[in-house]
Amino acid sequence: MAVDAPGAGTRRGGRRAVHRGHRAARPDHDAAAAGPGELAATGESAHSREQATLDALTPQEARVARLAAEGLSNPEIAARMYISKGTVDHHLNKVFRKLGIRTRAQLTHALTADG
């Protein structure tokens, strides 16, 4: 009997692997429609949709945000702050998430609107 490579059976014929988690047990369940009681029962919690203010940013995040709003690129911010480009990316991602924004234009607006 020949043994196939792990996962080979799921790749044959364009078939996808069957998810063996919660959805497989309850295919009719819509996690997005779960109420707070259901979340509490599973030990999960909903993320706050409330937007943070600039006060919620760490000093490093605030500095990266200010430099990005001034128009500096991530490599320029990294060079000015003596940190890696990856660290700049990380801080900007956290800033965007905390402020509920997606673009640098929105970042500039958020920084000028808040003072």
Foldseek 3Di string as FASTA:
>chain_A
DDDDDPPPVCPPPNHHDDDPDDCVVPVPDDPVPDDQVVCVVVVHDDDDPDAAAPVPADPVLNQLLVVVLVPDDLVRSCVVVVHDSVVSVVSPVVNCVNRVHDDNVVSNVRVVVRD
